[in-house]
Amino acid sequence: KESAVTLSYSKVPSDPPQLVSVPFGVTILGRGPLLQIKDKRVSKKQIEVTVFAQKEGPAVTISWYGCNPSQLKKSKEGGTFINMKKDTAHQLSVGDVFTLLPHEHFFTVNSFSTQLIQKKRPLEETAKNLPDSKKIATSKPDDDVDDGDKNNDRKNKKKNDDDNNKTSSNNSNNTKGKKSKPRCRWGSKCYRKNPEHVAEFDHDDESSPTPNAVQSDEDDEPTSKSKAKRDLKTDFSDNLTKYIQHPEKQDPAAYFLKNEKAVVIYDKSPKAKHHLLVMPPFLHQLEDLSAEDLPMLRNLRKVCISIITDFKSADPTLKFRIGLKAVSSSLKQLHFHLISQDLESIHMKTKKDWNSFATDFFLDIDEVIEILGDQAIIPKSDLEERAKSMNEDIRCHKCANAFKTMKKLKWHLPTCLGAQRIRKIL
């Protein structure tokens, strides 16, 4: 592809710049082979660059999709870096600078190509500048057809359409009185809205079922709705085991880290700005934890500490907890939550969500290791006592103020200056 925009890239401003040619269309900038970026803080899809053609030249926009913040400095707006907003397109001009991470991986817009726009102009515009002898080559095929021929074509087409309509009308009259579709057993009360189902089955209550009609499996779907729900619940319980048993079938972007010590994936419904699920690389359940698992737990903790260190190098103000929920989850696989303590997310919606991570219901990994070291197993009575925390009032995890609704709590969190009440903060 021919270059539409030229960028210069350097990891830090003191490094020699590397020229990057960006073609028309969408280009992804992030960790990967394109720029040989191996920094794990950079997502594989950190920034999306879109280049499209306009009359005056190429237009360029960038959108941020990564986990860690990316920054933009507009050359015409005071020259200061600002954090980009999620899923928002920012238009670029020559001289603008953006970064994949704060103060790292700099991209500068050097120039836009104007030659390529000439090549992409419509044929009719280009023909205006050609000699008269060559303009005939740019005319459309329909220009050589007389108006009389065009009118004849329209009449013939209309006649053919009329004939087709008559034929279809005759066919419908011939089949009138005969049952061509099997009757849906639910008739007009059928809850299904799928157009294919509506077209395939008769939903008229007054019509009687055709004796020879074959009953489809789809007709039985309303009666098997509860069974489908049970199957769905069964499948949900295996949602984490598939990342360990069949990693080759999973989306690579779902993994944050995978090695012989741990499997770390992104939580699909994160309850904070940074929320990861950390699992041992083999199948295990919370009920089976014993003193024999202490080496495995210590390895998981080391992996978590390494990840936290990387996050804090980008933002030293971040605080994290590592732990699990006191009551066995509906998910079979043992997993620990590595979660930042802002607890601000669109997925943090209910009192149950909040109390799962902001009360004693959340059992820190250090406490798990300590209990197993002293008692060999985690006492069931201890877990049941912690489960009572789910019924507590909604309280800020920093200042302990109580709130009646999650909405009021979310208004409070960004301005709360209270010290963290939880002990196990990393």
Foldseek 3Di string as FASTA:
>chain_A
DDFFFWKWKDFAPVDDTDIDGDHAAKDADWDDDPVPDPQLQTASRQKIWHWDADPVGIKIWMAGAGLAWKWKAAPVPPGDIDTGDHPDIDTHDAQIWIASAVRTIIMGTHDGDPVVNVVVDDLVVVLVPDDPVCSVVSDDPVVPDDPVVVVVVVVVVVVVVVVVVVVVVVVCVVCPPPDPAFAQPCAPNDPDDPPVVPVRHHRHPPDDGDPPHDDDPVSCCVVCVVVVVVVVLVVVLAPPVCCQPPVVPDDPSQWSDDDQLWTKGADPLAQASGKIKIAGSDADAQQPQFLVCLVSLVSSVVVLVVVVVSVCVRPVVWKWFWFAFLDTDSHGGDIIMTHTPLSDGPSCAALQSQLRPLFLRTPGSVNQSVCNVVPGHDDPVVSVVSVCSSPDFDARQFPRDGDRHVVVVNVCSVPDPGHGPDDRMD
